[in-house]
N, C-alpha and C. Protein backbone atom coordinates (compact mmCIF):
# COMPACT_ATOMS: atom_id res chain seq x y z
N UNK A 1 -1.53 -23.36 8.23
CA UNK A 1 -2.36 -23.59 7.45
C UNK A 1 -2.12 -22.51 5.78
N UNK A 2 -2.87 -23.21 5.28
CA UNK A 2 -3.06 -22.96 3.69
C UNK A 2 -4.85 -21.43 4.09
N UNK A 3 -4.96 -20.50 3.24
CA UNK A 3 -6.07 -19.96 2.52
C UNK A 3 -7.86 -20.80 2.98
N UNK A 4 -8.03 -20.37 3.41
CA UNK A 4 -9.60 -20.81 3.24
C UNK A 4 -10.70 -19.69 2.77
N UNK A 5 -11.27 -20.67 2.17
CA UNK A 5 -12.51 -20.23 1.50
C UNK A 5 -13.76 -20.67 2.05
N UNK A 6 -15.01 -19.79 2.09
CA UNK A 6 -16.53 -19.68 2.09
C UNK A 6 -16.72 -19.55 1.47
N UNK A 7 -17.61 -19.39 1.17
CA UNK A 7 -19.45 -19.46 0.15
C UNK A 7 -20.26 -18.46 0.93
N UNK A 8 -20.56 -17.33 1.12
CA UNK A 8 -21.57 -16.73 1.10
C UNK A 8 -22.42 -16.28 0.37
N UNK A 9 -23.15 -15.20 0.99
CA UNK A 9 -24.39 -14.45 0.58
C UNK A 9 -24.70 -13.79 1.09
N UNK A 10 -24.31 -12.23 0.36
CA UNK A 10 -24.20 -11.33 0.86
C UNK A 10 -25.41 -10.32 0.49
N UNK A 11 -26.43 -10.15 1.05
CA UNK A 11 -28.07 -9.16 1.02
C UNK A 11 -27.79 -7.73 1.43
N UNK A 12 -28.42 -6.81 0.65
CA UNK A 12 -28.68 -5.79 0.63
C UNK A 12 -29.40 -5.25 2.25
N UNK A 13 -29.61 -4.87 3.21
CA UNK A 13 -29.71 -4.90 4.60
C UNK A 13 -31.20 -4.33 4.10
N UNK A 14 -30.81 -2.67 3.30
CA UNK A 14 -32.23 -2.29 3.52
C UNK A 14 -33.28 -2.30 2.23
N UNK A 15 -33.08 -3.54 1.48
CA UNK A 15 -33.78 -4.18 0.82
C UNK A 15 -34.53 -5.21 1.39
N UNK A 16 -33.72 -6.04 1.93
CA UNK A 16 -34.83 -6.76 3.51
C UNK A 16 -35.56 -5.76 3.99
N UNK A 17 -35.19 -4.60 4.57
CA UNK A 17 -36.35 -4.66 5.24
C UNK A 17 -37.60 -4.47 4.11
N UNK A 18 -37.25 -3.79 2.78
CA UNK A 18 -38.71 -3.17 2.29
C UNK A 18 -38.82 -4.01 2.16
N UNK A 19 -38.69 -5.32 1.82
CA UNK A 19 -39.35 -6.74 1.02
C UNK A 19 -40.17 -7.16 2.76
N UNK A 20 -39.92 -7.25 3.50
CA UNK A 20 -40.60 -7.70 4.44
C UNK A 20 -41.54 -7.05 5.25
N UNK A 21 -41.36 -5.61 4.87
CA UNK A 21 -42.74 -4.75 4.93
C UNK A 21 -43.41 -4.21 3.84
N UNK A 22 -43.60 -5.37 2.73
CA UNK A 22 -44.16 -5.55 1.94
C UNK A 22 -43.85 -4.51 0.63
N UNK A 23 -42.70 -3.67 0.31
CA UNK A 23 -42.24 -2.83 -0.65
C UNK A 23 -41.79 -2.97 -2.07
N UNK A 24 -41.13 -4.27 -1.41
CA UNK A 24 -40.50 -4.42 -2.91
C UNK A 24 -41.23 -6.47 -2.72
N UNK A 25 -41.06 -7.14 -3.33
CA UNK A 25 -40.92 -7.98 -3.87
C UNK A 25 -39.48 -9.08 -2.90
N UNK A 26 -39.57 -10.20 -2.52
CA UNK A 26 -38.13 -10.55 -1.86
C UNK A 26 -37.54 -10.57 -3.04
N UNK A 27 -38.07 -11.67 -3.93
CA UNK A 27 -36.66 -11.49 -5.48
C UNK A 27 -36.06 -10.07 -5.89
N UNK A 28 -36.57 -9.28 -5.75
CA UNK A 28 -36.09 -8.00 -5.49
C UNK A 28 -35.03 -7.47 -4.62
N UNK A 29 -34.77 -7.89 -3.83
CA UNK A 29 -33.56 -8.38 -2.64
C UNK A 29 -32.14 -8.55 -3.39
N UNK A 30 -31.18 -7.45 -3.75
CA UNK A 30 -29.43 -7.15 -3.94
C UNK A 30 -28.93 -8.83 -3.21
N UNK A 31 -28.37 -9.08 -4.13
CA UNK A 31 -28.04 -9.94 -3.06
C UNK A 31 -26.56 -10.75 -4.30
N UNK A 32 -25.73 -11.42 -3.88
CA UNK A 32 -24.90 -11.74 -4.73
C UNK A 32 -23.93 -12.69 -3.53
N UNK A 33 -23.91 -13.69 -4.13
CA UNK A 33 -22.88 -14.78 -3.52
C UNK A 33 -21.65 -14.89 -4.23
N UNK A 34 -20.44 -14.96 -3.59
CA UNK A 34 -19.16 -15.32 -3.46
C UNK A 34 -18.38 -16.14 -2.78
N UNK A 35 -17.11 -15.59 -3.43
CA UNK A 35 -16.10 -16.80 -1.76
C UNK A 35 -15.63 -16.47 -2.13
N UNK A 36 -15.33 -15.99 -1.03
CA UNK A 36 -14.62 -15.15 0.58
C UNK A 36 -13.43 -15.96 1.13
N UNK A 37 -12.30 -15.04 1.32
CA UNK A 37 -12.00 -15.49 2.03
C UNK A 37 -11.89 -15.31 3.60
N UNK A 38 -11.28 -16.78 4.24
CA UNK A 38 -11.22 -16.48 5.39
C UNK A 38 -10.67 -15.69 6.47
N UNK A 39 -10.68 -14.57 6.65
CA UNK A 39 -9.70 -14.22 6.52
C UNK A 39 -9.15 -13.22 9.38
N UNK A 40 -9.11 -14.59 9.79
CA UNK A 40 -8.67 -14.19 10.89
C UNK A 40 -8.05 -12.96 11.56
N UNK A 41 -7.39 -12.28 10.50
CA UNK A 41 -7.08 -11.25 11.14
C UNK A 41 -7.16 -9.51 10.26
N UNK A 42 -8.85 -10.22 10.51
CA UNK A 42 -9.14 -9.05 9.33
C UNK A 42 -10.87 -8.84 10.95
N UNK A 43 -10.71 -7.70 10.83
CA UNK A 43 -12.11 -7.35 11.44
C UNK A 43 -13.55 -8.25 11.43
N UNK A 44 -13.99 -7.12 10.23
CA UNK A 44 -15.06 -7.45 9.93
C UNK A 44 -15.33 -7.81 8.46
N UNK A 45 -16.27 -7.43 7.74
CA UNK A 45 -16.42 -8.12 6.47
C UNK A 45 -16.04 -6.58 5.12
N UNK A 46 -15.32 -7.30 4.66
CA UNK A 46 -14.55 -6.52 3.43
C UNK A 46 -14.75 -6.50 2.55
N UNK A 47 -14.83 -5.30 1.44
CA UNK A 47 -16.33 -6.26 -0.34
C UNK A 47 -15.25 -4.25 -1.03
N UNK A 48 -15.25 -4.87 -1.91
CA UNK A 48 -14.70 -3.84 -3.20
C UNK A 48 -15.72 -2.61 -3.22
N UNK A 49 -15.05 -1.98 -4.07
CA UNK A 49 -16.44 -0.73 -4.36
C UNK A 49 -16.79 -1.39 -5.65
N UNK A 50 -16.78 -2.47 -6.34
CA UNK A 50 -17.43 -2.98 -7.64
C UNK A 50 -19.08 -3.74 -6.85
N UNK A 51 -18.09 -4.30 -5.91
CA UNK A 51 -19.39 -5.39 -5.11
C UNK A 51 -20.35 -4.51 -3.89
N UNK A 52 -20.29 -3.86 -3.80
CA UNK A 52 -21.19 -2.41 -3.10
C UNK A 52 -21.43 -1.58 -3.85
N UNK A 53 -21.31 -1.52 -5.36
CA UNK A 53 -21.79 -1.01 -6.46
C UNK A 53 -23.79 -2.05 -6.75
N UNK A 54 -22.91 -3.53 -6.78
CA UNK A 54 -23.40 -4.36 -7.04
C UNK A 54 -24.98 -4.38 -6.33
N UNK A 55 -24.39 -4.24 -4.99
CA UNK A 55 -25.27 -4.39 -3.56
C UNK A 55 -26.81 -3.71 -3.23
N UNK A 56 -25.60 -2.12 -4.42
CA UNK A 56 -26.59 -0.73 -3.75
C UNK A 56 -26.63 -0.43 -3.13
N UNK A 57 -25.61 -0.36 -2.24
CA UNK A 57 -25.19 -0.23 -0.75
C UNK A 57 -24.55 1.14 -0.71
N UNK A 58 -25.52 1.96 0.49
CA UNK A 58 -24.47 3.67 0.43
C UNK A 58 -23.53 3.36 1.53
N UNK A 59 -22.14 4.11 1.03
CA UNK A 59 -21.19 4.83 2.35
C UNK A 59 -22.15 5.39 3.04
N UNK A 60 -22.27 4.67 4.25
CA UNK A 60 -22.76 5.87 5.31
C UNK A 60 -21.87 7.29 6.00
N UNK A 61 -20.55 6.66 6.75
CA UNK A 61 -19.07 7.27 6.67
C UNK A 61 -18.21 6.79 6.26
N UNK A 62 -16.78 7.60 6.35
CA UNK A 62 -15.25 6.78 5.99
C UNK A 62 -14.82 6.76 7.22
N UNK A 63 -13.51 5.63 6.89
CA UNK A 63 -13.10 5.40 8.32
C UNK A 63 -11.56 5.41 7.54
N UNK A 64 -10.56 4.58 8.78
CA UNK A 64 -9.33 4.64 8.62
C UNK A 64 -8.63 3.53 8.99
N UNK A 65 -8.27 2.39 8.08
CA UNK A 65 -7.99 0.86 8.61
C UNK A 65 -6.88 0.61 8.89
N UNK A 66 -6.38 -0.33 9.83
CA UNK A 66 -4.91 -0.61 9.75
C UNK A 66 -4.49 -1.84 8.48
N UNK A 67 -3.42 -2.15 8.03
CA UNK A 67 -3.21 -3.17 7.02
C UNK A 67 -2.02 -4.38 7.40
N UNK A 68 -2.19 -5.19 6.95
CA UNK A 68 -1.54 -6.16 7.63
C UNK A 68 -0.24 -6.09 7.41
N UNK A 69 0.04 -5.05 6.65
CA UNK A 69 1.48 -5.07 7.11
C UNK A 69 1.75 -3.15 8.15
N UNK A 70 0.55 -3.17 8.76
CA UNK A 70 1.01 -2.00 9.15
C UNK A 70 0.98 -0.45 8.91
N UNK A 71 0.45 -0.42 7.23
CA UNK A 71 0.11 0.81 6.98
C UNK A 71 -0.86 1.08 6.92
N UNK A 72 -1.79 2.44 7.08
CA UNK A 72 -3.25 3.23 7.42
C UNK A 72 -3.54 3.45 6.11
N UNK A 73 -5.46 3.35 5.62
CA UNK A 73 -5.55 3.55 4.65
C UNK A 73 -6.97 3.56 4.29
N UNK A 74 -7.41 4.29 4.44
CA UNK A 74 -9.05 5.06 3.84
C UNK A 74 -10.36 3.99 3.64
N UNK A 75 -11.14 3.99 3.82
CA UNK A 75 -12.21 3.37 3.65
C UNK A 75 -13.68 3.31 3.73
N UNK A 76 -14.17 2.99 3.45
CA UNK A 76 -16.17 3.33 3.47
C UNK A 76 -16.71 2.56 4.37
N UNK A 77 -17.85 3.12 4.89
CA UNK A 77 -18.61 2.37 6.17
C UNK A 77 -19.53 1.62 5.27
N UNK A 78 -20.51 0.46 4.74
CA UNK A 78 -21.54 0.74 4.03
C UNK A 78 -22.89 0.87 5.11
N UNK A 79 -23.79 0.48 4.84
CA UNK A 79 -25.06 0.57 5.57
C UNK A 79 -25.63 -0.71 6.51
N UNK A 80 -25.77 -1.63 6.89
CA UNK A 80 -25.71 -2.95 6.66
C UNK A 80 -26.26 -3.70 6.03
N UNK A 81 -25.52 -4.98 5.86
CA UNK A 81 -25.71 -6.30 4.84
C UNK A 81 -26.07 -6.98 6.14
N UNK A 82 -26.72 -8.32 5.24
CA UNK A 82 -27.22 -9.75 5.95
C UNK A 82 -26.24 -10.53 5.00
N UNK A 83 -24.56 -10.91 5.96
CA UNK A 83 -24.17 -11.98 5.93
C UNK A 83 -24.69 -13.65 6.17
N UNK A 84 -24.44 -14.70 4.91
CA UNK A 84 -25.56 -15.73 5.46
C UNK A 84 -24.29 -17.26 4.69
N UNK A 85 -24.03 -18.33 5.94
CA UNK A 85 -23.36 -19.29 5.32
C UNK A 85 -23.85 -20.26 5.94
N UNK A 86 -24.20 -21.01 4.86
CA UNK A 86 -25.63 -22.57 5.07
C UNK A 86 -26.65 -21.91 6.01
N UNK A 87 -26.28 -22.36 7.41
CA UNK A 87 -27.49 -21.88 7.83
C UNK A 87 -27.70 -21.72 8.91
N UNK A 88 -26.63 -20.39 8.44
CA UNK A 88 -25.94 -19.30 9.99
C UNK A 88 -26.23 -18.40 9.43
N UNK A 89 -26.24 -16.73 9.82
CA UNK A 89 -26.79 -15.02 9.33
C UNK A 89 -26.07 -13.93 10.39
N UNK A 90 -25.81 -13.03 10.11
CA UNK A 90 -25.54 -12.21 10.86
C UNK A 90 -25.55 -11.02 10.19
N UNK A 91 -25.99 -9.89 10.50
CA UNK A 91 -25.90 -8.69 10.08
C UNK A 91 -24.64 -7.43 10.55
N UNK A 92 -24.51 -6.84 9.71
CA UNK A 92 -23.08 -6.21 9.83
C UNK A 92 -22.80 -4.50 8.59
N UNK A 93 -21.97 -4.43 8.95
CA UNK A 93 -21.71 -3.34 8.38
C UNK A 93 -20.39 -3.45 7.99
N UNK A 94 -20.18 -3.86 6.59
CA UNK A 94 -19.36 -3.89 6.03
C UNK A 94 -18.03 -2.66 5.63
N UNK A 95 -16.87 -3.13 5.41
CA UNK A 95 -16.00 -2.33 4.68
C UNK A 95 -15.70 -2.24 3.23
N UNK A 96 -15.19 -1.25 2.56
CA UNK A 96 -15.52 -0.44 1.72
C UNK A 96 -13.52 -0.65 1.13
N UNK A 97 -13.08 -1.42 0.07
CA UNK A 97 -11.77 -1.03 0.22
C UNK A 97 -11.73 -0.28 -1.63
N UNK A 98 -11.04 0.44 -1.26
CA UNK A 98 -10.98 0.65 -2.91
C UNK A 98 -9.58 -0.54 -3.42
N UNK A 99 -10.22 -0.94 -4.90
CA UNK A 99 -9.23 -1.62 -5.17
C UNK A 99 -9.32 -3.24 -4.81
N UNK A 100 -10.01 -3.41 -3.39
CA UNK A 100 -10.06 -4.71 -3.58
C UNK A 100 -11.40 -5.46 -4.24
N UNK A 101 -10.52 -7.06 -4.45
CA UNK A 101 -10.84 -7.59 -5.32
C UNK A 101 -11.93 -8.93 -4.19
N UNK A 102 -11.33 -9.31 -3.80
CA UNK A 102 -11.79 -10.68 -2.97
C UNK A 102 -12.70 -9.71 -1.77
N UNK A 103 -13.41 -10.65 -1.36
CA UNK A 103 -14.14 -10.60 0.07
C UNK A 103 -13.49 -11.46 0.86
N UNK A 104 -13.22 -10.44 2.14
CA UNK A 104 -12.49 -11.16 2.80
C UNK A 104 -13.58 -11.16 4.32
N UNK A 105 -13.81 -11.99 4.90
CA UNK A 105 -14.91 -12.89 5.77
C UNK A 105 -14.38 -12.60 7.47
N UNK A 106 -14.04 -11.92 8.29
CA UNK A 106 -13.12 -11.58 9.38
C UNK A 106 -13.93 -11.87 11.15
N UNK A 107 -13.13 -11.27 11.56
CA UNK A 107 -14.19 -12.02 13.11
C UNK A 107 -14.97 -11.69 13.20
N UNK A 108 -15.38 -11.02 13.27
CA UNK A 108 -16.98 -10.83 14.49
C UNK A 108 -17.56 -10.77 12.68
N UNK A 109 -17.98 -11.55 11.99
CA UNK A 109 -19.60 -11.69 11.87
C UNK A 109 -19.17 -13.81 11.62
N UNK A 110 -17.91 -14.08 11.92
CA UNK A 110 -17.84 -15.02 11.55
C UNK A 110 -17.80 -16.25 13.27
N UNK A 111 -17.50 -15.17 14.70
CA UNK A 111 -18.02 -15.83 15.71
C UNK A 111 -19.87 -14.96 16.34
N UNK A 112 -19.61 -13.96 15.58
CA UNK A 112 -21.03 -13.68 15.38
C UNK A 112 -22.13 -14.71 14.70
N UNK A 113 -21.94 -15.84 14.08
CA UNK A 113 -22.70 -17.34 13.82
C UNK A 113 -22.02 -17.94 13.93
N UNK A 114 -21.17 -17.69 14.93
CA UNK A 114 -20.59 -19.16 15.70
C UNK A 114 -19.92 -20.13 15.27
N UNK A 115 -18.90 -19.17 13.79
CA UNK A 115 -17.98 -20.05 13.40
C UNK A 115 -16.75 -20.43 13.46
N UNK A 116 -16.10 -21.37 13.33
CA UNK A 116 -14.05 -20.84 13.47
C UNK A 116 -13.26 -21.61 12.20
N UNK A 117 -12.47 -21.26 12.23
CA UNK A 117 -11.51 -22.21 11.21
C UNK A 117 -10.71 -23.60 12.02
N UNK A 118 -11.03 -24.87 11.19
CA UNK A 118 -11.09 -25.46 11.28
C UNK A 118 -9.43 -25.67 10.94
N UNK A 119 -8.32 -25.62 11.08
CA UNK A 119 -6.52 -25.44 10.39
C UNK A 119 -6.53 -26.30 9.79
N UNK A 120 -6.86 -27.46 10.05
CA UNK A 120 -6.09 -29.11 9.71
C UNK A 120 -7.20 -29.25 7.95
N UNK A 121 -8.00 -29.06 8.12
CA UNK A 121 -8.93 -29.63 7.11
C UNK A 121 -9.18 -28.11 6.05
N UNK A 122 -8.78 -26.88 6.93
CA UNK A 122 -8.82 -26.11 6.45
C UNK A 122 -9.99 -24.95 5.78
N UNK A 123 -11.08 -25.94 6.58
CA UNK A 123 -12.59 -25.41 6.29
C UNK A 123 -13.18 -24.34 7.43
N UNK A 124 -14.53 -24.30 7.02
CA UNK A 124 -15.45 -23.07 8.14
C UNK A 124 -15.81 -24.34 8.21
N UNK A 125 -15.88 -24.41 10.13
CA UNK A 125 -17.08 -25.52 10.33
C UNK A 125 -18.26 -24.43 12.21
N UNK A 126 -18.82 -25.11 12.11
CA UNK A 126 -19.84 -24.60 13.55
C UNK A 126 -18.93 -24.67 14.49
N UNK A 127 -18.95 -23.71 15.18
CA UNK A 127 -18.22 -24.80 16.70
C UNK A 127 -19.01 -25.40 17.85
N UNK A 128 -18.74 -26.42 18.07
CA UNK A 128 -19.42 -27.27 19.44
C UNK A 128 -19.56 -26.52 20.29
N UNK A 129 -18.51 -25.52 20.70
CA UNK A 129 -18.25 -25.46 22.62
C UNK A 129 -19.30 -23.99 22.61
N UNK A 130 -19.71 -22.92 21.59
CA UNK A 130 -20.50 -22.19 21.67
C UNK A 130 -22.27 -22.89 21.63
N UNK A 131 -22.88 -21.95 22.40
CA UNK A 131 -24.51 -21.88 21.59
C UNK A 131 -24.77 -20.82 22.30
N UNK A 132 -25.90 -20.22 21.59
CA UNK A 132 -26.36 -19.25 21.15
C UNK A 132 -27.59 -19.54 21.99
N UNK A 133 -28.21 -18.79 22.95
CA UNK A 133 -29.30 -19.05 24.07
C UNK A 133 -29.69 -17.55 24.34
N UNK A 134 -31.23 -17.37 23.91
CA UNK A 134 -31.41 -16.00 23.75
C UNK A 134 -30.87 -15.03 23.31
N UNK A 135 -29.79 -14.69 21.91
CA UNK A 135 -29.14 -13.87 21.81
C UNK A 135 -28.62 -13.15 22.57
N UNK A 136 -27.97 -13.99 23.68
CA UNK A 136 -26.99 -14.13 23.83
C UNK A 136 -25.60 -15.80 23.72
N UNK A 137 -24.36 -15.07 23.43
CA UNK A 137 -23.69 -16.60 23.62
C UNK A 137 -23.00 -17.09 25.01
N UNK A 138 -23.32 -18.62 25.14
CA UNK A 138 -22.79 -19.08 26.59
C UNK A 138 -21.82 -19.93 26.77
N UNK A 139 -20.91 -20.26 26.81
CA UNK A 139 -19.86 -21.38 26.73
C UNK A 139 -20.59 -22.81 27.52
N UNK A 140 -20.61 -23.71 26.84
CA UNK A 140 -21.55 -25.14 26.88
C UNK A 140 -20.12 -25.99 28.01
N UNK A 141 -20.12 -26.51 29.01
CA UNK A 141 -18.93 -26.91 29.75
C UNK A 141 -17.97 -25.98 30.82
N UNK A 142 -19.05 -25.25 31.38
CA UNK A 142 -18.13 -24.20 31.89
C UNK A 142 -19.46 -24.27 33.02
């Protein structure tokens, strides 16, 4: 299987709350559309420092992550962001990796949006096995 990419929109979660409560106009919500690498080896959303700055996100804590080669690396953890792919949306905190230029879309946001990787067509698709019901995910046909 080759690389799988998905066009996603990332929006500043704090701005969304401010707009919802009438403090800023909706068009002032900081957002960016990016082509993300769909990385099933990554746990969450990963972005670089430049994207964090464009979105106006604060680093709320620091953490250490294990990279694909087994090395440990420090990273920042942002306040919540909203991730949108087509008609699917989730809120999640992102990891900020120094020097990272690509956006990585990991398994936690994929699962929360009920998306899977189609390895034959090398694309992201809606899962037909899972259905969201009242905030819970239940298996269909089991």
